[in-house]
Amino acid sequence: MKGAGMKHKYVTHDGSPLTPAQIARLDAVESRIGDSVDAPELPEAAWANAVIGKHYKPRKEAISLRVDMDVLDWLRNKGPGYQTEINRILRAQMLAEIGR
């Protein structure tokens, strides 16, 4: 048993401590799962349409950006979502420069 103040391998989303009963239940589940040796390997065809990063959503940060008025007018005239369009243009340029 771990002493007071020591970290457990299980953590709640808010950092609150688990009860001994909760830890015992999680240990029991973990022991039933075992390791991935029992899981069959997928055939190569199963990966044919796999997409890396499909559910990845980059973190966003609000910044202040000075843009020429004619450029901003051009972006705003494209319709709603001009900030997303700025991000798309910058991402395309970034990926072109890093060779992706």
C-alpha atoms as a PDB file:
ATOM      1  CA  MET A   1       0.000   0.000   0.000  1.00  0.00           C
ATOM      2  CA  LYS A   2       1.291   3.428  -0.851  1.00  0.00           C
ATOM      3  CA  GLY A   3       1.801   5.967   1.913  1.00  0.00           C
ATOM      4  CA  ALA A   4      -0.103   9.171   2.407  1.00  0.00           C
ATOM      5  CA  GLY A   5       0.695  11.808  -0.179  1.00  0.00           C
ATOM      6  CA  MET A   6       2.122   9.319  -2.689  1.00  0.00           C
ATOM      7  CA  LYS A   7       0.732   9.256  -6.199  1.00  0.00           C
ATOM      8  CA  HIS A   8      -1.317   6.330  -7.481  1.00  0.00           C
ATOM      9  CA  LYS A   9      -1.242   5.020 -11.028  1.00  0.00           C
ATOM     10  CA  TYR A  10      -4.913   5.975 -11.381  1.00  0.00           C
ATOM     11  CA  VAL A  11      -5.862   9.640 -11.519  1.00  0.00           C
ATOM     12  CA  THR A  12      -9.260  11.297 -11.665  1.00  0.00           C
ATOM     13  CA  HIS A  13      -9.956  14.093 -14.116  1.00  0.00           C
ATOM     14  CA  ASP A  14     -10.023  16.636 -11.295  1.00  0.00           C
ATOM     15  CA  GLY A  15      -7.117  15.205  -9.289  1.00  0.00           C
ATOM     16  CA  SER A  16      -9.255  14.076  -6.352  1.00  0.00           C
ATOM     17  CA  PRO A  17      -8.061  10.897  -4.597  1.00  0.00           C
ATOM     18  CA  LEU A  18      -9.658   7.528  -5.288  1.00  0.00           C
ATOM     19  CA  THR A  19     -10.991   5.387  -2.499  1.00  0.00           C
ATOM     20  CA  PRO A  20      -9.315   2.043  -1.778  1.00  0.00           C
ATOM     21  CA  ALA A  21     -12.445   0.315  -3.149  1.00  0.00           C
ATOM     22  CA  GLN A  22     -12.187   2.272  -6.432  1.00  0.00           C
ATOM     23  CA  ILE A  23      -8.498   1.408  -6.747  1.00  0.00           C
ATOM     24  CA  ALA A  24      -9.253  -2.285  -6.109  1.00  0.00           C
ATOM     25  CA  ARG A  25     -11.955  -2.261  -8.827  1.00  0.00           C
ATOM     26  CA  LEU A  26      -9.587  -0.648 -11.319  1.00  0.00           C
ATOM     27  CA  ASP A  27      -6.836  -3.141 -10.441  1.00  0.00           C
ATOM     28  CA  ALA A  28      -9.301  -5.992 -11.039  1.00  0.00           C
ATOM     29  CA  VAL A  29     -10.279  -4.610 -14.451  1.00  0.00           C
ATOM     30  CA  GLU A  30      -6.639  -4.095 -15.390  1.00  0.00           C
ATOM     31  CA  SER A  31      -5.763  -7.676 -14.467  1.00  0.00           C
ATOM     32  CA  ARG A  32      -8.609  -9.008 -16.645  1.00  0.00           C
ATOM     33  CA  ILE A  33      -7.502  -6.945 -19.634  1.00  0.00           C
ATOM     34  CA  GLY A  34      -3.952  -8.276 -19.567  1.00  0.00           C
ATOM     35  CA  ASP A  35      -1.592  -7.124 -22.267  1.00  0.00           C
ATOM     36  CA  SER A  36      -2.098  -6.794 -25.997  1.00  0.00           C
ATOM     37  CA  VAL A  37      -0.514 -10.178 -26.772  1.00  0.00           C
ATOM     38  CA  ASP A  38      -4.004 -11.691 -26.972  1.00  0.00           C
ATOM     39  CA  ALA A  39      -5.214  -9.088 -29.471  1.00  0.00           C
ATOM     40  CA  PRO A  40      -4.948 -10.315 -33.060  1.00  0.00           C
ATOM     41  CA  GLU A  41      -2.854  -8.243 -35.435  1.00  0.00           C
ATOM     42  CA  LEU A  42      -4.896  -6.479 -38.094  1.00  0.00           C
ATOM     43  CA  PRO A  43      -4.260  -7.424 -41.715  1.00  0.00           C
ATOM     44  CA  GLU A  44      -2.560  -4.836 -43.938  1.00  0.00           C
ATOM     45  CA  ALA A  45      -5.847  -4.224 -45.810  1.00  0.00           C
ATOM     46  CA  ALA A  46      -7.423  -2.922 -42.594  1.00  0.00           C
ATOM     47  CA  TRP A  47      -5.025   0.042 -42.702  1.00  0.00           C
ATOM     48  CA  ALA A  48      -5.661   0.953 -46.355  1.00  0.00           C
ATOM     49  CA  ASN A  49      -7.922   3.923 -45.516  1.00  0.00           C
ATOM     50  CA  ALA A  50      -6.318   4.872 -42.204  1.00  0.00           C
ATOM     51  CA  VAL A  51      -5.697   8.574 -41.700  1.00  0.00           C
ATOM     52  CA  ILE A  52      -3.070   9.834 -39.274  1.00  0.00           C
ATOM     53  CA  GLY A  53      -4.344  12.641 -37.070  1.00  0.00           C
ATOM     54  CA  LYS A  54      -7.964  12.385 -38.226  1.00  0.00           C
ATOM     55  CA  HIS A  55      -9.296  13.379 -34.798  1.00  0.00           C
ATOM     56  CA  TYR A  56      -6.432  15.698 -33.892  1.00  0.00           C
ATOM     57  CA  LYS A  57      -7.534  19.215 -33.082  1.00  0.00           C
ATOM     58  CA  PRO A  58      -4.704  21.717 -32.582  1.00  0.00           C
ATOM     59  CA  ARG A  59      -4.828  24.037 -29.609  1.00  0.00           C
ATOM     60  CA  LYS A  60      -5.780  27.594 -30.499  1.00  0.00           C
ATOM     61  CA  GLU A  61      -4.543  30.826 -28.985  1.00  0.00           C
ATOM     62  CA  ALA A  62      -6.116  34.239 -29.362  1.00  0.00           C
ATOM     63  CA  ILE A  63      -3.582  36.801 -30.550  1.00  0.00           C
ATOM     64  CA  SER A  64      -3.576  40.352 -31.777  1.00  0.00           C
ATOM     65  CA  LEU A  65      -2.485  40.567 -35.405  1.00  0.00           C
ATOM     66  CA  ARG A  66      -1.930  43.652 -37.538  1.00  0.00           C
ATOM     67  CA  VAL A  67      -3.086  43.064 -41.111  1.00  0.00           C
ATOM     68  CA  ASP A  68      -3.220  45.464 -44.055  1.00  0.00           C
ATOM     69  CA  MET A  69      -6.790  46.728 -44.523  1.00  0.00           C
ATOM     70  CA  ASP A  70      -7.023  45.582 -48.141  1.00  0.00           C
ATOM     71  CA  VAL A  71      -6.006  42.053 -47.098  1.00  0.00           C
ATOM     72  CA  LEU A  72      -8.547  42.064 -44.260  1.00  0.00           C
ATOM     73  CA  ASP A  73     -11.281  43.374 -46.575  1.00  0.00           C
ATOM     74  CA  TRP A  74     -10.478  40.616 -49.088  1.00  0.00           C
ATOM     75  CA  LEU A  75     -10.740  37.946 -46.351  1.00  0.00           C
ATOM     76  CA  ARG A  76     -13.957  39.369 -44.882  1.00  0.00           C
ATOM     77  CA  ASN A  77     -15.554  39.561 -48.329  1.00  0.00           C
ATOM     78  CA  LYS A  78     -15.133  35.803 -48.680  1.00  0.00           C
ATOM     79  CA  GLY A  79     -17.871  35.419 -46.053  1.00  0.00           C
ATOM     80  CA  PRO A  80     -18.058  34.343 -42.425  1.00  0.00           C
ATOM     81  CA  GLY A  81     -15.028  32.666 -40.891  1.00  0.00           C
ATOM     82  CA  TYR A  82     -12.267  34.975 -42.043  1.00  0.00           C
ATOM     83  CA  GLN A  83     -10.157  34.112 -38.971  1.00  0.00           C
ATOM     84  CA  THR A  84     -10.393  30.422 -39.847  1.00  0.00           C
ATOM     85  CA  GLU A  85      -9.407  31.338 -43.405  1.00  0.00           C
ATOM     86  CA  ILE A  86      -6.340  33.205 -42.109  1.00  0.00           C
ATOM     87  CA  ASN A  87      -5.372  30.102 -40.138  1.00  0.00           C
ATOM     88  CA  ARG A  88      -5.912  27.856 -43.185  1.00  0.00           C
ATOM     89  CA  ILE A  89      -3.719  30.067 -45.379  1.00  0.00           C
ATOM     90  CA  LEU A  90      -0.975  30.216 -42.756  1.00  0.00           C
ATOM     91  CA  ARG A  91      -1.117  26.440 -42.160  1.00  0.00           C
ATOM     92  CA  ALA A  92      -0.837  25.742 -45.907  1.00  0.00           C
ATOM     93  CA  GLN A  93       2.199  28.012 -46.109  1.00  0.00           C
ATOM     94  CA  MET A  94       3.746  26.418 -43.004  1.00  0.00           C
ATOM     95  CA  LEU A  95       3.282  22.896 -44.378  1.00  0.00           C
ATOM     96  CA  ALA A  96       4.739  23.938 -47.751  1.00  0.00           C
ATOM     97  CA  GLU A  97       7.805  25.368 -46.049  1.00  0.00           C
ATOM     98  CA  ILE A  98       8.429  22.353 -43.816  1.00  0.00           C
ATOM     99  CA  GLY A  99       7.920  19.976 -46.736  1.00  0.00           C
ATOM    100  CA  ARG A 100       4.712  18.188 -45.838  1.00  0.00           C
END
